[in-house]
């Protein structure tokens, strides 16, 4: 006997409407003179450069009145090239690129590498700064989620609607710098094995959610990250998707679809062609 599966968008529509009014209330407290800095952490490599550049391009496009800094942890086994690094720094000045051990996110070792990166960023941050993880295959199309996290008092903000809110899902999530420091201190004191004890799956997003809850931090989930099928169902990044979300996460094998969607729904044709020209120049062999 087959079981009828209720689509996520229908099953959690009441949740979304409740969250919408809560989100609106939190954002109303946002102050444009907020001094907190959003520090965005990317873990990337040479072959993902095109998507990484697109993601950074979207940040520059939406974050007009919000102070931010980009940190790119370049996989030391498949590092970004010098030309790629220069292109990223030209796009967003003061971008910091560091050679880093593999941090794709599976297993204790890679999770530990990721938290060492967060800890590095937190050392120069104020407690109220935001430390965000952003995957290379994510682009933003409005700044609502950034204003939300700046106005919120939550320690960890993410979007778990695609996993029925069981945990903060990967792709993009936001920590208060003070929360990163607290978790990092506990990892250093007790070890990653202890901190991940009883973690359902040893992967970076589940681990981040698990450790935050283990230390009784304030974890909040809101709707801000669209997935490819949701964009397809809505006929593109149009009014409904713009209303509901702030970014798109292209969790799919053919990640060129990310660039297609960015071209079709986010930027003008001249802007896209200019971006693509920079990407192609940086990808040219030396």
C-alpha atoms as a PDB file:
ATOM      1  CA  UNK A   1       0.000   0.000   0.000  1.00  0.00           C
ATOM      2  CA  UNK A   2       1.547   3.279  -1.068  1.00  0.00           C
ATOM      3  CA  UNK A   3       1.634   6.177   1.362  1.00  0.00           C
ATOM      4  CA  UNK A   4       0.672   9.581   0.012  1.00  0.00           C
ATOM      5  CA  UNK A   5       3.523  12.016   0.577  1.00  0.00           C
ATOM      6  CA  UNK A   6       2.453  15.558   1.342  1.00  0.00           C
ATOM      7  CA  UNK A   7       4.751  18.086  -0.406  1.00  0.00           C
ATOM      8  CA  UNK A   8       6.933  20.106   1.987  1.00  0.00           C
ATOM      9  CA  UNK A   9       5.497  23.414   0.758  1.00  0.00           C
ATOM     10  CA  UNK A  10       1.983  22.265   1.755  1.00  0.00           C
ATOM     11  CA  UNK A  11       2.856  20.335   4.896  1.00  0.00           C
ATOM     12  CA  UNK A  12       4.766  23.253   6.403  1.00  0.00           C
ATOM     13  CA  UNK A  13       2.725  26.152   5.030  1.00  0.00           C
ATOM     14  CA  UNK A  14       1.239  26.956   8.492  1.00  0.00           C
ATOM     15  CA  UNK A  15       4.794  26.909   9.861  1.00  0.00           C
ATOM     16  CA  UNK A  16       5.898  29.322   7.152  1.00  0.00           C
ATOM     17  CA  UNK A  17       3.069  31.773   7.815  1.00  0.00           C
ATOM     18  CA  UNK A  18       3.822  31.748  11.533  1.00  0.00           C
ATOM     19  CA  UNK A  19       7.495  32.275  10.758  1.00  0.00           C
ATOM     20  CA  UNK A  20       6.677  35.072   8.312  1.00  0.00           C
ATOM     21  CA  UNK A  21       5.068  37.218  11.015  1.00  0.00           C
ATOM     22  CA  UNK A  22       7.846  36.377  13.485  1.00  0.00           C
ATOM     23  CA  UNK A  23      10.466  37.244  10.855  1.00  0.00           C
ATOM     24  CA  UNK A  24       8.727  40.524  10.078  1.00  0.00           C
ATOM     25  CA  UNK A  25       8.716  41.447  13.758  1.00  0.00           C
ATOM     26  CA  UNK A  26      12.426  40.665  14.192  1.00  0.00           C
ATOM     27  CA  UNK A  27      13.458  42.557  11.042  1.00  0.00           C
ATOM     28  CA  UNK A  28      11.475  45.601  12.192  1.00  0.00           C
ATOM     29  CA  UNK A  29      14.046  45.891  15.009  1.00  0.00           C
ATOM     30  CA  UNK A  30      16.942  46.021  12.535  1.00  0.00           C
ATOM     31  CA  UNK A  31      18.963  49.227  12.735  1.00  0.00           C
ATOM     32  CA  UNK A  32      20.834  50.346   9.624  1.00  0.00           C
ATOM     33  CA  UNK A  33      23.599  51.685  11.882  1.00  0.00           C
ATOM     34  CA  UNK A  34      24.164  48.226  13.372  1.00  0.00           C
ATOM     35  CA  UNK A  35      27.924  47.943  13.909  1.00  0.00           C
ATOM     36  CA  UNK A  36      28.113  44.151  13.741  1.00  0.00           C
ATOM     37  CA  UNK A  37      30.075  42.680  10.840  1.00  0.00           C
ATOM     38  CA  UNK A  38      28.921  39.606   8.931  1.00  0.00           C
ATOM     39  CA  UNK A  39      31.942  37.379   8.367  1.00  0.00           C
ATOM     40  CA  UNK A  40      31.235  34.847   5.635  1.00  0.00           C
ATOM     41  CA  UNK A  41      33.226  31.612   5.509  1.00  0.00           C
ATOM     42  CA  UNK A  42      33.549  29.660   2.267  1.00  0.00           C
ATOM     43  CA  UNK A  43      35.294  26.291   1.964  1.00  0.00           C
ATOM     44  CA  UNK A  44      36.153  25.893  -1.694  1.00  0.00           C
ATOM     45  CA  UNK A  45      38.608  24.658  -4.315  1.00  0.00           C
ATOM     46  CA  UNK A  46      39.833  25.325  -7.851  1.00  0.00           C
ATOM     47  CA  UNK A  47      37.108  23.346  -9.627  1.00  0.00           C
ATOM     48  CA  UNK A  48      34.333  25.215  -7.761  1.00  0.00           C
ATOM     49  CA  UNK A  49      35.683  28.663  -8.580  1.00  0.00           C
ATOM     50  CA  UNK A  50      32.930  29.625 -11.046  1.00  0.00           C
ATOM     51  CA  UNK A  51      30.220  28.965  -8.447  1.00  0.00           C
ATOM     52  CA  UNK A  52      32.225  30.596  -5.670  1.00  0.00           C
ATOM     53  CA  UNK A  53      32.686  33.718  -7.791  1.00  0.00           C
ATOM     54  CA  UNK A  54      28.951  33.814  -8.556  1.00  0.00           C
ATOM     55  CA  UNK A  55      28.165  33.507  -4.844  1.00  0.00           C
ATOM     56  CA  UNK A  56      30.525  36.365  -3.964  1.00  0.00           C
ATOM     57  CA  UNK A  57      29.131  38.436  -6.843  1.00  0.00           C
ATOM     58  CA  UNK A  58      25.653  38.061  -5.339  1.00  0.00           C
ATOM     59  CA  UNK A  59      26.915  39.226  -1.931  1.00  0.00           C
ATOM     60  CA  UNK A  60      28.355  42.369  -3.450  1.00  0.00           C
ATOM     61  CA  UNK A  61      25.063  42.927  -5.234  1.00  0.00           C
ATOM     62  CA  UNK A  62      22.759  42.645  -2.173  1.00  0.00           C
ATOM     63  CA  UNK A  63      24.839  43.864   0.785  1.00  0.00           C
ATOM     64  CA  UNK A  64      24.795  47.612   0.188  1.00  0.00           C
ATOM     65  CA  UNK A  65      24.410  48.961   3.726  1.00  0.00           C
ATOM     66  CA  UNK A  66      25.668  45.948   5.691  1.00  0.00           C
ATOM     67  CA  UNK A  67      29.308  45.587   6.715  1.00  0.00           C
ATOM     68  CA  UNK A  68      30.735  42.226   5.701  1.00  0.00           C
ATOM     69  CA  UNK A  69      34.006  40.416   5.099  1.00  0.00           C
ATOM     70  CA  UNK A  70      34.691  37.258   3.115  1.00  0.00           C
ATOM     71  CA  UNK A  71      37.020  34.475   4.267  1.00  0.00           C
ATOM     72  CA  UNK A  72      37.804  31.715   1.772  1.00  0.00           C
ATOM     73  CA  UNK A  73      39.390  28.524   3.072  1.00  0.00           C
ATOM     74  CA  UNK A  74      41.031  27.048  -0.006  1.00  0.00           C
ATOM     75  CA  UNK A  75      41.388  23.257  -0.038  1.00  0.00           C
ATOM     76  CA  UNK A  76      45.140  22.651   0.174  1.00  0.00           C
ATOM     77  CA  UNK A  77      44.789  19.493  -1.948  1.00  0.00           C
ATOM     78  CA  UNK A  78      42.931  21.323  -4.768  1.00  0.00           C
ATOM     79  CA  UNK A  79      43.760  24.979  -4.096  1.00  0.00           C
ATOM     80  CA  UNK A  80      42.393  28.009  -5.852  1.00  0.00           C
ATOM     81  CA  UNK A  81      44.896  29.350  -8.376  1.00  0.00           C
ATOM     82  CA  UNK A  82      46.622  32.694  -8.029  1.00  0.00           C
ATOM     83  CA  UNK A  83      44.508  34.099 -10.870  1.00  0.00           C
ATOM     84  CA  UNK A  84      41.318  32.919  -9.209  1.00  0.00           C
ATOM     85  CA  UNK A  85      42.340  34.424  -5.874  1.00  0.00           C
ATOM     86  CA  UNK A  86      43.194  37.748  -7.514  1.00  0.00           C
ATOM     87  CA  UNK A  87      39.809  37.805  -9.272  1.00  0.00           C
ATOM     88  CA  UNK A  88      37.992  37.249  -5.971  1.00  0.00           C
ATOM     89  CA  UNK A  89      39.982  39.980  -4.245  1.00  0.00           C
ATOM     90  CA  UNK A  90      39.286  42.366  -7.104  1.00  0.00           C
ATOM     91  CA  UNK A  91      35.572  41.601  -6.827  1.00  0.00           C
ATOM     92  CA  UNK A  92      35.468  42.051  -3.042  1.00  0.00           C
ATOM     93  CA  UNK A  93      38.512  43.892  -1.655  1.00  0.00           C
ATOM     94  CA  UNK A  94      39.899  42.679   1.696  1.00  0.00           C
ATOM     95  CA  UNK A  95      38.768  39.132   0.961  1.00  0.00           C
ATOM     96  CA  UNK A  96      41.044  36.826   2.928  1.00  0.00           C
ATOM     97  CA  UNK A  97      42.081  33.543   1.300  1.00  0.00           C
ATOM     98  CA  UNK A  98      43.766  30.884   3.420  1.00  0.00           C
ATOM     99  CA  UNK A  99      45.195  27.502   2.493  1.00  0.00           C
ATOM    100  CA  UNK A 100      43.283  24.998   4.617  1.00  0.00           C
ATOM    101  CA  UNK A 101      43.022  21.227   5.205  1.00  0.00           C
ATOM    102  CA  UNK A 102      40.101  19.504   3.474  1.00  0.00           C
ATOM    103  CA  UNK A 103      36.840  20.669   5.028  1.00  0.00           C
ATOM    104  CA  UNK A 104      34.049  19.235   2.904  1.00  0.00           C
ATOM    105  CA  UNK A 105      32.309  18.340   6.151  1.00  0.00           C
ATOM    106  CA  UNK A 106      32.223  14.558   6.588  1.00  0.00           C
ATOM    107  CA  UNK A 107      33.747  12.918   9.664  1.00  0.00           C
ATOM    108  CA  UNK A 108      35.369  14.184  12.834  1.00  0.00           C
ATOM    109  CA  UNK A 109      38.596  15.329  11.181  1.00  0.00           C
ATOM    110  CA  UNK A 110      36.926  17.561   8.610  1.00  0.00           C
ATOM    111  CA  UNK A 111      34.400  18.890  11.122  1.00  0.00           C
ATOM    112  CA  UNK A 112      37.349  19.754  13.376  1.00  0.00           C
ATOM    113  CA  UNK A 113      39.046  21.564  10.471  1.00  0.00           C
ATOM    114  CA  UNK A 114      35.879  23.577   9.878  1.00  0.00           C
ATOM    115  CA  UNK A 115      35.648  24.634  13.517  1.00  0.00           C
ATOM    116  CA  UNK A 116      39.297  25.658  13.546  1.00  0.00           C
ATOM    117  CA  UNK A 117      38.415  27.944  10.625  1.00  0.00           C
ATOM    118  CA  UNK A 118      35.419  29.415  12.468  1.00  0.00           C
ATOM    119  CA  UNK A 119      37.604  29.909  15.532  1.00  0.00           C
ATOM    120  CA  UNK A 120      40.207  31.718  13.424  1.00  0.00           C
ATOM    121  CA  UNK A 121      37.558  34.130  12.149  1.00  0.00           C
ATOM    122  CA  UNK A 122      36.072  34.613  15.645  1.00  0.00           C
ATOM    123  CA  UNK A 123      39.421  35.709  17.114  1.00  0.00           C
ATOM    124  CA  UNK A 124      39.236  39.085  15.363  1.00  0.00           C
ATOM    125  CA  UNK A 125      35.467  39.464  15.695  1.00  0.00           C
ATOM    126  CA  UNK A 126      33.374  41.249  18.288  1.00  0.00           C
ATOM    127  CA  UNK A 127      30.952  39.006  20.249  1.00  0.00           C
ATOM    128  CA  UNK A 128      27.946  40.366  18.321  1.00  0.00           C
ATOM    129  CA  UNK A 129      29.496  39.847  14.891  1.00  0.00           C
ATOM    130  CA  UNK A 130      27.983  37.113  12.750  1.00  0.00           C
ATOM    131  CA  UNK A 131      30.021  34.181  11.436  1.00  0.00           C
ATOM    132  CA  UNK A 132      28.264  32.574   8.497  1.00  0.00           C
ATOM    133  CA  UNK A 133      28.983  29.419   6.586  1.00  0.00           C
ATOM    134  CA  UNK A 134      28.154  29.730   2.895  1.00  0.00           C
ATOM    135  CA  UNK A 135      28.642  26.948   0.360  1.00  0.00           C
ATOM    136  CA  UNK A 136      30.036  27.850  -3.047  1.00  0.00           C
ATOM    137  CA  UNK A 137      26.796  26.695  -4.703  1.00  0.00           C
ATOM    138  CA  UNK A 138      24.652  29.286  -2.907  1.00  0.00           C
ATOM    139  CA  UNK A 139      23.754  32.711  -4.244  1.00  0.00           C
ATOM    140  CA  UNK A 140      21.688  35.492  -2.661  1.00  0.00           C
ATOM    141  CA  UNK A 141      18.944  37.541  -4.276  1.00  0.00           C
ATOM    142  CA  UNK A 142      17.883  39.813  -1.395  1.00  0.00           C
ATOM    143  CA  UNK A 143      19.324  40.982   1.940  1.00  0.00           C
ATOM    144  CA  UNK A 144      16.408  40.024   4.210  1.00  0.00           C
ATOM    145  CA  UNK A 145      18.152  37.118   5.948  1.00  0.00           C
ATOM    146  CA  UNK A 146      21.150  39.330   6.764  1.00  0.00           C
ATOM    147  CA  UNK A 147      18.953  41.966   8.400  1.00  0.00           C
ATOM    148  CA  UNK A 148      17.168  39.190  10.254  1.00  0.00           C
ATOM    149  CA  UNK A 149      20.314  37.683  11.762  1.00  0.00           C
ATOM    150  CA  UNK A 150      21.654  41.122  12.711  1.00  0.00           C
ATOM    151  CA  UNK A 151      18.430  41.933  14.552  1.00  0.00           C
ATOM    152  CA  UNK A 152      17.962  38.500  16.140  1.00  0.00           C
ATOM    153  CA  UNK A 153      19.298  37.437  19.543  1.00  0.00           C
ATOM    154  CA  UNK A 154      19.649  33.792  18.462  1.00  0.00           C
ATOM    155  CA  UNK A 155      23.067  32.111  18.690  1.00  0.00           C
ATOM    156  CA  UNK A 156      22.530  29.993  15.574  1.00  0.00           C
ATOM    157  CA  UNK A 157      20.131  30.705  12.719  1.00  0.00           C
ATOM    158  CA  UNK A 158      19.524  28.304   9.873  1.00  0.00           C
ATOM    159  CA  UNK A 159      16.870  26.817   7.628  1.00  0.00           C
ATOM    160  CA  UNK A 160      15.842  23.202   8.040  1.00  0.00           C
ATOM    161  CA  UNK A 161      12.572  23.194   6.117  1.00  0.00           C
ATOM    162  CA  UNK A 162      13.914  20.714   3.565  1.00  0.00           C
ATOM    163  CA  UNK A 163      14.741  18.224   6.343  1.00  0.00           C
ATOM    164  CA  UNK A 164      11.497  18.850   8.256  1.00  0.00           C
ATOM    165  CA  UNK A 165      13.310  21.129  10.715  1.00  0.00           C
ATOM    166  CA  UNK A 166      15.194  18.239  12.309  1.00  0.00           C
ATOM    167  CA  UNK A 167      18.394  20.305  12.210  1.00  0.00           C
ATOM    168  CA  UNK A 168      19.905  23.441  10.692  1.00  0.00           C
ATOM    169  CA  UNK A 169      20.683  22.369   7.147  1.00  0.00           C
ATOM    170  CA  UNK A 170      23.972  23.034   5.389  1.00  0.00           C
ATOM    171  CA  UNK A 171      24.464  25.444   2.545  1.00  0.00           C
ATOM    172  CA  UNK A 172      24.148  28.529   4.694  1.00  0.00           C
ATOM    173  CA  UNK A 173      23.746  29.209   8.396  1.00  0.00           C
ATOM    174  CA  UNK A 174      24.700  31.962  10.803  1.00  0.00           C
ATOM    175  CA  UNK A 175      26.377  31.914  14.244  1.00  0.00           C
ATOM    176  CA  UNK A 176      26.915  34.758  16.658  1.00  0.00           C
ATOM    177  CA  UNK A 177      30.702  35.082  17.072  1.00  0.00           C
ATOM    178  CA  UNK A 178      30.239  34.612  20.835  1.00  0.00           C
ATOM    179  CA  UNK A 179      28.572  31.231  20.148  1.00  0.00           C
ATOM    180  CA  UNK A 180      31.435  30.155  17.871  1.00  0.00           C
ATOM    181  CA  UNK A 181      33.922  31.032  20.608  1.00  0.00           C
ATOM    182  CA  UNK A 182      31.875  29.101  23.185  1.00  0.00           C
ATOM    183  CA  UNK A 183      31.665  25.974  21.036  1.00  0.00           C
ATOM    184  CA  UNK A 184      35.328  26.217  19.984  1.00  0.00           C
ATOM    185  CA  UNK A 185      36.442  26.505  23.621  1.00  0.00           C
ATOM    186  CA  UNK A 186      34.489  23.361  24.465  1.00  0.00           C
ATOM    187  CA  UNK A 187      35.970  21.489  21.495  1.00  0.00           C
ATOM    188  CA  UNK A 188      39.442  22.493  22.673  1.00  0.00           C
ATOM    189  CA  UNK A 189      38.666  21.524  26.274  1.00  0.00           C
ATOM    190  CA  UNK A 190      36.817  18.239  25.754  1.00  0.00           C
ATOM    191  CA  UNK A 191      37.802  17.170  22.229  1.00  0.00           C
ATOM    192  CA  UNK A 192      35.738  16.796  19.079  1.00  0.00           C
ATOM    193  CA  UNK A 193      34.886  13.162  19.933  1.00  0.00           C
ATOM    194  CA  UNK A 194      33.169  14.222  23.148  1.00  0.00           C
ATOM    195  CA  UNK A 195      31.356  17.137  21.524  1.00  0.00           C
ATOM    196  CA  UNK A 196      30.013  14.873  18.766  1.00  0.00           C
ATOM    197  CA  UNK A 197      28.905  12.099  21.107  1.00  0.00           C
ATOM    198  CA  UNK A 198      25.341  11.031  20.164  1.00  0.00           C
ATOM    199  CA  UNK A 199      25.426  13.214  17.038  1.00  0.00           C
ATOM    200  CA  UNK A 200      23.065  11.420  14.591  1.00  0.00           C
ATOM    201  CA  UNK A 201      25.327  11.900  11.541  1.00  0.00           C
ATOM    202  CA  UNK A 202      28.908  13.155  11.560  1.00  0.00           C
ATOM    203  CA  UNK A 203      28.500  15.829   8.903  1.00  0.00           C
ATOM    204  CA  UNK A 204      29.106  19.561   9.380  1.00  0.00           C
ATOM    205  CA  UNK A 205      25.528  20.883   9.445  1.00  0.00           C
ATOM    206  CA  UNK A 206      24.144  18.191  11.753  1.00  0.00           C
ATOM    207  CA  UNK A 207      27.261  18.599  13.927  1.00  0.00           C
ATOM    208  CA  UNK A 208      26.844  22.395  14.183  1.00  0.00           C
ATOM    209  CA  UNK A 209      23.208  21.995  15.202  1.00  0.00           C
ATOM    210  CA  UNK A 210      24.073  19.177  17.634  1.00  0.00           C
ATOM    211  CA  UNK A 211      26.883  21.051  19.409  1.00  0.00           C
ATOM    212  CA  UNK A 212      24.837  24.252  19.713  1.00  0.00           C
ATOM    213  CA  UNK A 213      21.950  22.358  21.314  1.00  0.00           C
ATOM    214  CA  UNK A 214      24.331  20.328  23.479  1.00  0.00           C
ATOM    215  CA  UNK A 215      25.572  23.602  24.989  1.00  0.00           C
ATOM    216  CA  UNK A 216      22.003  24.946  25.337  1.00  0.00           C
ATOM    217  CA  UNK A 217      22.527  27.763  22.879  1.00  0.00           C
ATOM    218  CA  UNK A 218      19.557  29.536  21.299  1.00  0.00           C
ATOM    219  CA  UNK A 219      18.963  27.848  17.930  1.00  0.00           C
ATOM    220  CA  UNK A 220      16.400  29.376  15.606  1.00  0.00           C
ATOM    221  CA  UNK A 221      15.170  28.138  12.247  1.00  0.00           C
ATOM    222  CA  UNK A 222      13.579  30.391   9.665  1.00  0.00           C
ATOM    223  CA  UNK A 223      12.796  30.153   5.954  1.00  0.00           C
ATOM    224  CA  UNK A 224      15.468  31.708   3.755  1.00  0.00           C
ATOM    225  CA  UNK A 225      17.084  29.047   1.540  1.00  0.00           C
ATOM    226  CA  UNK A 226      15.363  27.803  -1.606  1.00  0.00           C
ATOM    227  CA  UNK A 227      16.244  24.528  -3.292  1.00  0.00           C
ATOM    228  CA  UNK A 228      16.225  23.820  -7.050  1.00  0.00           C
ATOM    229  CA  UNK A 229      12.914  21.946  -7.136  1.00  0.00           C
ATOM    230  CA  UNK A 230      11.184  24.758  -5.259  1.00  0.00           C
ATOM    231  CA  UNK A 231      12.476  27.259  -7.803  1.00  0.00           C
ATOM    232  CA  UNK A 232      11.310  25.022 -10.666  1.00  0.00           C
ATOM    233  CA  UNK A 233       7.866  24.586  -9.067  1.00  0.00           C
ATOM    234  CA  UNK A 234       7.530  28.373  -8.752  1.00  0.00           C
ATOM    235  CA  UNK A 235       8.560  28.989 -12.357  1.00  0.00           C
ATOM    236  CA  UNK A 236      11.815  30.700 -11.369  1.00  0.00           C
ATOM    237  CA  UNK A 237      12.999  33.210  -8.785  1.00  0.00           C
ATOM    238  CA  UNK A 238       9.920  35.350  -9.033  1.00  0.00           C
ATOM    239  CA  UNK A 239       7.714  37.163  -6.512  1.00  0.00           C
ATOM    240  CA  UNK A 240       6.793  34.115  -4.398  1.00  0.00           C
ATOM    241  CA  UNK A 241      10.371  32.864  -4.097  1.00  0.00           C
ATOM    242  CA  UNK A 242      11.601  36.414  -3.384  1.00  0.00           C
ATOM    243  CA  UNK A 243       8.923  36.751  -0.702  1.00  0.00           C
ATOM    244  CA  UNK A 244       9.723  33.428   0.916  1.00  0.00           C
ATOM    245  CA  UNK A 245      13.507  33.130   0.595  1.00  0.00           C
ATOM    246  CA  UNK A 246      16.761  35.117   0.375  1.00  0.00           C
ATOM    247  CA  UNK A 247      19.107  32.662  -1.319  1.00  0.00           C
ATOM    248  CA  UNK A 248      19.202  29.554  -3.474  1.00  0.00           C
ATOM    249  CA  UNK A 249      21.196  26.412  -2.725  1.00  0.00           C
ATOM    250  CA  UNK A 250      21.998  24.351  -5.814  1.00  0.00           C
ATOM    251  CA  UNK A 251      22.331  20.897  -4.291  1.00  0.00           C
ATOM    252  CA  UNK A 252      22.592  19.080  -7.604  1.00  0.00           C
ATOM    253  CA  UNK A 253      25.231  17.385  -9.749  1.00  0.00           C
ATOM    254  CA  UNK A 254      24.916  19.861 -12.617  1.00  0.00           C
ATOM    255  CA  UNK A 255      25.885  23.015 -10.759  1.00  0.00           C
ATOM    256  CA  UNK A 256      25.986  25.008 -13.993  1.00  0.00           C
ATOM    257  CA  UNK A 257      22.235  25.331 -13.374  1.00  0.00           C
ATOM    258  CA  UNK A 258      23.249  27.773 -10.633  1.00  0.00           C
ATOM    259  CA  UNK A 259      24.843  30.095 -13.182  1.00  0.00           C
ATOM    260  CA  UNK A 260      21.839  29.721 -15.497  1.00  0.00           C
ATOM    261  CA  UNK A 261      19.422  30.721 -12.721  1.00  0.00           C
ATOM    262  CA  UNK A 262      21.598  33.659 -11.693  1.00  0.00           C
ATOM    263  CA  UNK A 263      21.606  34.869 -15.314  1.00  0.00           C
ATOM    264  CA  UNK A 264      17.880  34.336 -15.839  1.00  0.00           C
ATOM    265  CA  UNK A 265      16.473  35.707 -12.576  1.00  0.00           C
ATOM    266  CA  UNK A 266      18.949  37.797 -10.597  1.00  0.00           C
ATOM    267  CA  UNK A 267      21.209  40.014 -12.720  1.00  0.00           C
ATOM    268  CA  UNK A 268      20.921  41.829 -16.027  1.00  0.00           C
ATOM    269  CA  UNK A 269      22.408  40.324 -19.166  1.00  0.00           C
ATOM    270  CA  UNK A 270      25.305  42.846 -19.255  1.00  0.00           C
ATOM    271  CA  UNK A 271      26.059  42.168 -15.568  1.00  0.00           C
ATOM    272  CA  UNK A 272      26.068  38.434 -16.175  1.00  0.00           C
ATOM    273  CA  UNK A 273      28.267  38.692 -19.267  1.00  0.00           C
ATOM    274  CA  UNK A 274      30.738  40.865 -17.351  1.00  0.00           C
ATOM    275  CA  UNK A 275      30.816  38.341 -14.487  1.00  0.00           C
ATOM    276  CA  UNK A 276      31.284  35.441 -16.882  1.00  0.00           C
ATOM    277  CA  UNK A 277      34.153  37.242 -18.592  1.00  0.00           C
ATOM    278  CA  UNK A 278      35.961  37.594 -15.260  1.00  0.00           C
ATOM    279  CA  UNK A 279      35.324  33.950 -14.432  1.00  0.00           C
ATOM    280  CA  UNK A 280      36.671  32.788 -17.794  1.00  0.00           C
ATOM    281  CA  UNK A 281      39.795  34.963 -17.503  1.00  0.00           C
ATOM    282  CA  UNK A 282      40.544  33.596 -14.044  1.00  0.00           C
ATOM    283  CA  UNK A 283      40.005  30.016 -15.234  1.00  0.00           C
ATOM    284  CA  UNK A 284      42.397  30.354 -18.181  1.00  0.00           C
ATOM    285  CA  UNK A 285      45.457  28.110 -17.821  1.00  0.00           C
ATOM    286  CA  UNK A 286      48.689  29.912 -17.027  1.00  0.00           C
END
